[in-house]
C-alpha atoms as a PDB file:
ATOM      1  CA  MET A   1      85.074  93.748 110.909  1.00  0.00           C
ATOM      2  CA  ASN A   2      84.161  96.757 112.784  1.00  0.00           C
ATOM      3  CA  GLU A   3      80.823  98.583 111.357  1.00  0.00           C
ATOM      4  CA  ARG A   4      81.600 101.057 109.079  1.00  0.00           C
ATOM      5  CA  LYS A   5      80.037 104.309 110.402  1.00  0.00           C
ATOM      6  CA  THR A   6      78.074 106.349 108.000  1.00  0.00           C
ATOM      7  CA  THR A   7      80.000 109.504 107.080  1.00  0.00           C
ATOM      8  CA  GLY A   8      77.745 111.672 104.874  1.00  0.00           C
ATOM      9  CA  LEU A   9      75.910 111.933 102.271  1.00  0.00           C
ATOM     10  CA  PRO A  10      77.429 109.577  99.532  1.00  0.00           C
ATOM     11  CA  ASP A  11      77.021 106.872 101.834  1.00  0.00           C
ATOM     12  CA  LYS A  12      73.113 107.674 102.217  1.00  0.00           C
ATOM     13  CA  ILE A  13      73.117 107.691  98.129  1.00  0.00           C
ATOM     14  CA  TYR A  14      75.033 104.362  98.259  1.00  0.00           C
ATOM     15  CA  GLY A  15      73.225 102.789 100.577  1.00  0.00           C
ATOM     16  CA  ASP A  16      69.526 103.865  98.736  1.00  0.00           C
ATOM     17  CA  ILE A  17      70.562 102.951  95.244  1.00  0.00           C
ATOM     18  CA  LEU A  18      72.138  99.573  96.295  1.00  0.00           C
ATOM     19  CA  ASN A  19      68.930  99.064  98.308  1.00  0.00           C
ATOM     20  CA  ARG A  20      66.733  99.750  95.412  1.00  0.00           C
ATOM     21  CA  ILE A  21      68.659  97.086  93.351  1.00  0.00           C
ATOM     22  CA  LEU A  22      68.291  94.477  96.313  1.00  0.00           C
ATOM     23  CA  GLU A  23      64.388  95.541  96.099  1.00  0.00           C
ATOM     24  CA  GLY A  24      64.543  94.534  92.529  1.00  0.00           C
ATOM     25  CA  GLU A  25      63.065  98.356  91.347  1.00  0.00           C
ATOM     26  CA  TYR A  26      66.683  98.812  89.302  1.00  0.00           C
ATOM     27  CA  LYS A  27      67.065  95.648  87.706  1.00  0.00           C
ATOM     28  CA  GLU A  28      69.870  94.278  86.141  1.00  0.00           C
ATOM     29  CA  GLY A  29      70.670  95.873  82.698  1.00  0.00           C
ATOM     30  CA  GLU A  30      68.353  98.892  83.460  1.00  0.00           C
ATOM     31  CA  ARG A  31      69.663 102.368  83.709  1.00  0.00           C
ATOM     32  CA  LEU A  32      69.619 104.158  86.946  1.00  0.00           C
ATOM     33  CA  PRO A  33      67.926 107.665  86.736  1.00  0.00           C
ATOM     34  CA  THR A  34      70.601 110.589  85.641  1.00  0.00           C
ATOM     35  CA  GLU A  35      72.888 112.093  87.932  1.00  0.00           C
ATOM     36  CA  HIS A  36      70.962 115.241  87.666  1.00  0.00           C
ATOM     37  CA  ALA A  37      67.803 113.303  88.912  1.00  0.00           C
ATOM     38  CA  LEU A  38      69.635 111.685  91.507  1.00  0.00           C
ATOM     39  CA  ALA A  39      71.234 115.311  92.890  1.00  0.00           C
ATOM     40  CA  GLU A  40      67.734 116.591  92.793  1.00  0.00           C
ATOM     41  CA  ARG A  41      66.225 113.767  94.814  1.00  0.00           C
ATOM     42  CA  PHE A  42      68.613 113.918  97.626  1.00  0.00           C
ATOM     43  CA  ALA A  43      69.146 117.638  97.066  1.00  0.00           C
ATOM     44  CA  THR A  44      72.760 117.576  96.817  1.00  0.00           C
ATOM     45  CA  SER A  45      75.286 118.367  94.179  1.00  0.00           C
ATOM     46  CA  ARG A  46      76.285 116.275  91.149  1.00  0.00           C
ATOM     47  CA  PRO A  47      79.940 115.373  92.511  1.00  0.00           C
ATOM     48  CA  THR A  48      78.198 114.263  95.473  1.00  0.00           C
ATOM     49  CA  VAL A  49      75.949 111.866  93.596  1.00  0.00           C
ATOM     50  CA  ARG A  50      79.193 110.804  91.328  1.00  0.00           C
ATOM     51  CA  GLU A  51      81.391 109.981  94.530  1.00  0.00           C
ATOM     52  CA  ALA A  52      78.100 107.403  95.366  1.00  0.00           C
ATOM     53  CA  LEU A  53      77.909 105.987  91.935  1.00  0.00           C
ATOM     54  CA  ALA A  54      81.719 105.813  91.668  1.00  0.00           C
ATOM     55  CA  ARG A  55      81.909 103.404  94.731  1.00  0.00           C
ATOM     56  CA  LEU A  56      78.814 101.475  93.172  1.00  0.00           C
ATOM     57  CA  ARG A  57      80.992 101.265  90.133  1.00  0.00           C
ATOM     58  CA  ALA A  58      84.068  99.927  91.818  1.00  0.00           C
ATOM     59  CA  ASP A  59      81.880  97.204  93.870  1.00  0.00           C
ATOM     60  CA  GLY A  60      81.065  96.006  90.441  1.00  0.00           C
ATOM     61  CA  ILE A  61      77.056  96.619  91.051  1.00  0.00           C
ATOM     62  CA  ILE A  62      76.705  99.463  88.243  1.00  0.00           C
ATOM     63  CA  MET A  63      78.358 100.033  84.771  1.00  0.00           C
ATOM     64  CA  THR A  64      78.710 103.314  82.624  1.00  0.00           C
ATOM     65  CA  ARG A  65      79.213 103.098  79.209  1.00  0.00           C
ATOM     66  CA  HIS A  66      79.576 106.039  76.986  1.00  0.00           C
ATOM     67  CA  GLY A  67      75.952 106.740  75.251  1.00  0.00           C
ATOM     68  CA  SER A  68      74.170 104.482  77.281  1.00  0.00           C
ATOM     69  CA  GLY A  69      74.507 106.040  80.633  1.00  0.00           C
ATOM     70  CA  THR A  70      74.731 104.008  84.011  1.00  0.00           C
ATOM     71  CA  THR A  71      73.042 100.513  84.126  1.00  0.00           C
ATOM     72  CA  VAL A  72      72.985  97.595  86.993  1.00  0.00           C
ATOM     73  CA  ALA A  73      75.775  95.232  86.493  1.00  0.00           C
ATOM     74  CA  ARG A  74      74.479  92.896  88.862  1.00  0.00           C
ATOM     75  CA  ARG A  75      72.132  92.396  91.808  1.00  0.00           C
ATOM     76  CA  PRO A  76      73.983  91.157  95.395  1.00  0.00           C
ATOM     77  CA  ASP A  77      72.095  88.797  97.212  1.00  0.00           C
ATOM     78  CA  PRO A  78      68.952  90.500  98.822  1.00  0.00           C
ATOM     79  CA  ASP A  79      69.948  88.530 102.029  1.00  0.00           C
ATOM     80  CA  VAL A  80      72.779  90.120 102.730  1.00  0.00           C
ATOM     81  CA  ARG A  81      70.691  92.986 104.424  1.00  0.00           C
ATOM     82  CA  ARG A  82      69.683  89.947 107.270  1.00  0.00           C
ATOM     83  CA  PHE A  83      73.238  89.834 108.344  1.00  0.00           C
ATOM     84  CA  ALA A  84      75.224  92.862 107.727  1.00  0.00           C
ATOM     85  CA  PRO A  85      74.874  96.607 107.240  1.00  0.00           C
ATOM     86  CA  LEU A  86      75.036  97.835 103.750  1.00  0.00           C
ATOM     87  CA  GLU A  87      77.523  99.955 103.786  1.00  0.00           C
ATOM     88  CA  THR A  88      80.070  97.110 105.068  1.00  0.00           C
ATOM     89  CA  LEU A  89      79.559  95.608 101.565  1.00  0.00           C
ATOM     90  CA  SER A  90      82.225  97.207 100.122  1.00  0.00           C
ATOM     91  CA  ASP A  91      84.751  96.004 102.594  1.00  0.00           C
ATOM     92  CA  ILE A  92      83.661  92.600 102.143  1.00  0.00           C
ATOM     93  CA  ARG A  93      84.397  92.842  98.534  1.00  0.00           C
ATOM     94  CA  ARG A  94      87.927  94.026  99.304  1.00  0.00           C
ATOM     95  CA  CYS A  95      88.772  91.425 101.929  1.00  0.00           C
ATOM     96  CA  TYR A  96      87.732  88.489  99.241  1.00  0.00           C
ATOM     97  CA  GLU A  97      89.870  90.391  96.441  1.00  0.00           C
ATOM     98  CA  PHE A  98      92.809  90.371  99.075  1.00  0.00           C
ATOM     99  CA  ARG A  99      92.127  86.896 100.361  1.00  0.00           C
ATOM    100  CA  ILE A 100      91.569  85.279  96.267  1.00  0.00           C
ATOM    101  CA  VAL A 101      95.422  86.584  95.863  1.00  0.00           C
ATOM    102  CA  THR A 102      97.168  85.584  98.871  1.00  0.00           C
ATOM    103  CA  GLU A 103      95.137  82.234  99.859  1.00  0.00           C
ATOM    104  CA  ALA A 104      95.582  80.727  96.359  1.00  0.00           C
ATOM    105  CA  GLY A 105      99.388  81.304  96.738  1.00  0.00           C
ATOM    106  CA  ALA A 106      99.357  79.630 100.168  1.00  0.00           C
ATOM    107  CA  ALA A 107      97.416  77.099  98.968  1.00  0.00           C
ATOM    108  CA  GLU A 108      99.981  76.019  96.233  1.00  0.00           C
ATOM    109  CA  GLN A 109     103.038  76.569  98.868  1.00  0.00           C
ATOM    110  CA  ALA A 110     100.935  74.107 101.124  1.00  0.00           C
ATOM    111  CA  ALA A 111     100.982  71.536  97.987  1.00  0.00           C
ATOM    112  CA  LEU A 112     104.592  71.632  97.928  1.00  0.00           C
ATOM    113  CA  LYS A 113     105.496  71.852 101.775  1.00  0.00           C
ATOM    114  CA  ALA A 114     102.800  70.114 104.001  1.00  0.00           C
ATOM    115  CA  ASP A 115     104.016  67.189 106.166  1.00  0.00           C
ATOM    116  CA  ALA A 116     101.529  64.456 107.327  1.00  0.00           C
ATOM    117  CA  ASP A 117     100.751  66.682 110.557  1.00  0.00           C
ATOM    118  CA  ASP A 118      99.754  69.830 108.196  1.00  0.00           C
ATOM    119  CA  ILE A 119      97.447  67.407 105.933  1.00  0.00           C
ATOM    120  CA  ALA A 120      95.725  65.950 109.351  1.00  0.00           C
ATOM    121  CA  ALA A 121      95.176  69.704 110.591  1.00  0.00           C
ATOM    122  CA  ILE A 122      93.696  70.268 107.253  1.00  0.00           C
ATOM    123  CA  GLN A 123      91.337  67.334 107.437  1.00  0.00           C
ATOM    124  CA  HIS A 124      90.583  67.962 110.773  1.00  0.00           C
ATOM    125  CA  ALA A 125      88.970  71.074 109.970  1.00  0.00           C
ATOM    126  CA  TRP A 126      87.353  70.043 107.308  1.00  0.00           C
ATOM    127  CA  ASP A 127      85.711  67.168 109.528  1.00  0.00           C
ATOM    128  CA  GLN A 128      84.783  69.947 112.230  1.00  0.00           C
ATOM    129  CA  LEU A 129      82.880  71.651 108.892  1.00  0.00           C
ATOM    130  CA  GLU A 130      81.155  68.499 108.230  1.00  0.00           C
ATOM    131  CA  ARG A 131      79.527  68.462 111.531  1.00  0.00           C
ATOM    132  CA  ILE A 132      78.615  71.816 111.722  1.00  0.00           C
ATOM    133  CA  ILE A 133      76.475  71.135 108.365  1.00  0.00           C
ATOM    134  CA  GLU A 134      74.800  68.270 110.550  1.00  0.00           C
ATOM    135  CA  THR A 135      73.969  70.422 113.549  1.00  0.00           C
ATOM    136  CA  ARG A 136      72.926  73.296 111.039  1.00  0.00           C
ATOM    137  CA  GLY A 137      75.499  75.683 112.826  1.00  0.00           C
ATOM    138  CA  ILE A 138      77.227  78.858 111.476  1.00  0.00           C
ATOM    139  CA  GLY A 139      81.140  77.268 111.786  1.00  0.00           C
ATOM    140  CA  ALA A 140      82.863  80.936 110.745  1.00  0.00           C
ATOM    141  CA  GLN A 141      85.212  80.152 113.714  1.00  0.00           C
ATOM    142  CA  ASP A 142      85.745  76.593 111.846  1.00  0.00           C
ATOM    143  CA  ASP A 143      85.809  77.734 108.603  1.00  0.00           C
ATOM    144  CA  PHE A 144      88.499  80.356 109.378  1.00  0.00           C
ATOM    145  CA  MET A 145      90.919  77.528 111.142  1.00  0.00           C
ATOM    146  CA  PHE A 146      90.359  75.839 107.668  1.00  0.00           C
ATOM    147  CA  HIS A 147      91.957  78.377 105.704  1.00  0.00           C
ATOM    148  CA  LEU A 148      94.373  79.424 108.631  1.00  0.00           C
ATOM    149  CA  ALA A 149      95.501  75.249 108.691  1.00  0.00           C
ATOM    150  CA  VAL A 150      96.221  75.762 104.678  1.00  0.00           C
ATOM    151  CA  ALA A 151      98.461  78.695 105.554  1.00  0.00           C
ATOM    152  CA  ARG A 152     100.498  77.010 108.210  1.00  0.00           C
ATOM    153  CA  ALA A 153     100.826  74.499 105.714  1.00  0.00           C
ATOM    154  CA  SER A 154     102.680  76.295 103.421  1.00  0.00           C
ATOM    155  CA  LYS A 155     105.203  76.798 106.069  1.00  0.00           C
ATOM    156  CA  ASN A 156     105.759  80.402 105.312  1.00  0.00           C
ATOM    157  CA  PRO A 157     104.844  82.738 108.424  1.00  0.00           C
ATOM    158  CA  PHE A 158     104.243  85.513 106.397  1.00  0.00           C
ATOM    159  CA  PHE A 159     101.065  83.674 105.010  1.00  0.00           C
ATOM    160  CA  ILE A 160     100.183  82.922 108.737  1.00  0.00           C
ATOM    161  CA  THR A 161     100.849  86.298 110.097  1.00  0.00           C
ATOM    162  CA  VAL A 162      98.652  87.948 107.175  1.00  0.00           C
ATOM    163  CA  MET A 163      95.573  85.629 108.216  1.00  0.00           C
ATOM    164  CA  SER A 164      96.132  86.210 111.632  1.00  0.00           C
ATOM    165  CA  PHE A 165      96.287  90.322 111.471  1.00  0.00           C
ATOM    166  CA  ILE A 166      93.006  90.093 109.063  1.00  0.00           C
ATOM    167  CA  GLU A 167      91.074  87.737 111.176  1.00  0.00           C
ATOM    168  CA  GLU A 168      88.231  89.777 112.429  1.00  0.00           C
ATOM    169  CA  GLN A 169      87.432  91.238 108.747  1.00  0.00           C
ATOM    170  CA  ILE A 170      87.670  87.358 107.614  1.00  0.00           C
ATOM    171  CA  LEU A 171      85.527  86.327 110.105  1.00  0.00           C
ATOM    172  CA  PHE A 172      83.044  89.166 109.738  1.00  0.00           C
ATOM    173  CA  SER A 173      82.866  87.624 105.760  1.00  0.00           C
ATOM    174  CA  MET A 174      82.492  84.393 106.671  1.00  0.00           C
ATOM    175  CA  ASN A 175      79.655  85.042 109.023  1.00  0.00           C
ATOM    176  CA  LEU A 176      77.836  86.494 106.164  1.00  0.00           C
ATOM    177  CA  SER A 177      78.581  84.063 103.659  1.00  0.00           C
ATOM    178  CA  ARG A 178      77.944  80.890 105.651  1.00  0.00           C
ATOM    179  CA  ASN A 179      74.846  82.553 107.172  1.00  0.00           C
ATOM    180  CA  LEU A 180      73.778  83.208 103.454  1.00  0.00           C
ATOM    181  CA  SER A 181      74.137  79.683 103.086  1.00  0.00           C
ATOM    182  CA  LEU A 182      72.264  78.449 106.169  1.00  0.00           C
ATOM    183  CA  VAL A 183      68.986  80.522 104.805  1.00  0.00           C
ATOM    184  CA  LYS A 184      69.423  78.732 101.131  1.00  0.00           C
ATOM    185  CA  THR A 185      70.034  74.785 100.725  1.00  0.00           C
ATOM    186  CA  VAL A 186      71.879  72.102 102.158  1.00  0.00           C
ATOM    187  CA  GLU A 187      73.158  71.530  98.509  1.00  0.00           C
ATOM    188  CA  ARG A 188      74.931  75.311  98.803  1.00  0.00           C
ATOM    189  CA  GLN A 189      76.589  73.898 101.978  1.00  0.00           C
ATOM    190  CA  ARG A 190      77.509  70.932 100.324  1.00  0.00           C
ATOM    191  CA  LEU A 191      79.147  72.559  97.422  1.00  0.00           C
ATOM    192  CA  VAL A 192      81.167  75.046  99.688  1.00  0.00           C
ATOM    193  CA  GLN A 193      82.530  71.793 101.472  1.00  0.00           C
ATOM    194  CA  ALA A 194      83.235  70.055  97.997  1.00  0.00           C
ATOM    195  CA  GLU A 195      85.464  73.351  97.487  1.00  0.00           C
ATOM    196  CA  HIS A 196      87.300  72.833 100.645  1.00  0.00           C
ATOM    197  CA  MET A 197      88.037  69.364  99.679  1.00  0.00           C
ATOM    198  CA  ALA A 198      89.131  69.725  96.101  1.00  0.00           C
ATOM    199  CA  VAL A 199      91.965  72.162  97.949  1.00  0.00           C
ATOM    200  CA  LEU A 200      92.753  69.763 100.654  1.00  0.00           C
ATOM    201  CA  GLU A 201      92.797  66.662  97.721  1.00  0.00           C
ATOM    202  CA  ALA A 202      95.482  68.800  95.705  1.00  0.00           C
ATOM    203  CA  ILE A 203      97.295  69.280  98.706  1.00  0.00           C
ATOM    204  CA  ARG A 204      97.277  65.692  99.736  1.00  0.00           C
ATOM    205  CA  CYS A 205      98.454  64.920  95.943  1.00  0.00           C
ATOM    206  CA  LYS A 206     101.140  67.767  96.122  1.00  0.00           C
ATOM    207  CA  ASP A 207      99.710  69.266  93.054  1.00  0.00           C
ATOM    208  CA  GLY A 208     100.740  73.011  93.726  1.00  0.00           C
ATOM    209  CA  PRO A 209      98.826  74.423  90.599  1.00  0.00           C
ATOM    210  CA  ALA A 210      96.107  72.394  91.308  1.00  0.00           C
ATOM    211  CA  ALA A 211      95.773  73.510  95.150  1.00  0.00           C
ATOM    212  CA  GLY A 212      96.179  77.379  93.708  1.00  0.00           C
ATOM    213  CA  LYS A 213      93.526  76.767  91.271  1.00  0.00           C
ATOM    214  CA  ALA A 214      90.958  75.192  93.930  1.00  0.00           C
ATOM    215  CA  MET A 215      91.789  77.759  96.581  1.00  0.00           C
ATOM    216  CA  ARG A 216      91.279  80.644  94.093  1.00  0.00           C
ATOM    217  CA  ALA A 217      87.910  79.147  92.623  1.00  0.00           C
ATOM    218  CA  HIS A 218      86.557  78.401  96.164  1.00  0.00           C
ATOM    219  CA  LEU A 219      87.108  82.362  97.183  1.00  0.00           C
ATOM    220  CA  GLU A 220      86.126  83.454  93.796  1.00  0.00           C
ATOM    221  CA  ASN A 221      82.570  81.227  93.855  1.00  0.00           C
ATOM    222  CA  ALA A 222      82.027  82.425  97.556  1.00  0.00           C
ATOM    223  CA  LEU A 223      82.484  86.405  96.269  1.00  0.00           C
ATOM    224  CA  GLU A 224      80.135  85.274  93.446  1.00  0.00           C
ATOM    225  CA  ARG A 225      77.645  84.188  95.633  1.00  0.00           C
ATOM    226  CA  MET A 226      77.508  87.156  97.614  1.00  0.00           C
ATOM    227  CA  PHE A 227      77.743  89.499  95.075  1.00  0.00           C
ATOM    228  CA  GLY A 228      76.584  87.789  92.100  1.00  0.00           C
ATOM    229  CA  SER A 229      73.036  87.832  90.786  1.00  0.00           C
END
């Protein structure tokens, strides 16, 4: 994913507020300063502030309720700043949201149509990821190959084309996700592998709904690990 360039004051306000949330200055459940106060701080207009807040709201980081103002809804993992510019987080979330829809469908189709060679390819990709854990590597490319193997097993070229078309964006988000796992615990890496195995086993058992559910759960969990508290 190409790094998003800072284009103006809304980006600066977005980054400033998000950074304060990551630092714990604005805690979950607490109210943010008013639009008027933020406009004064950044010497700008309230519509400019609203633009930045709208983006934070769309990312699920803040929420606004009538009568109670704008509060912090969730705090992303503070370690994201070590591996990705803050302004890319919106794009990463959108990428995951798209993948949840498309890859769950691909996994369901793979369970119905995969042959022995397809299952062997998915297993091989899983084995490669196991070796990555043992060597304390990142393995984003290997992770991508697992998901691509599932798409190929669907026998639907549209799933494969979509995965290939957004490969750069997927690899960017996978690098971030796997770097975050690496600085946490081995248990977290094992959890990710268990989620991958759930997808593989459902495909091996030719259980379409289970495969779709397992893939959706895996990607939703990845999003939650990154953006959740």
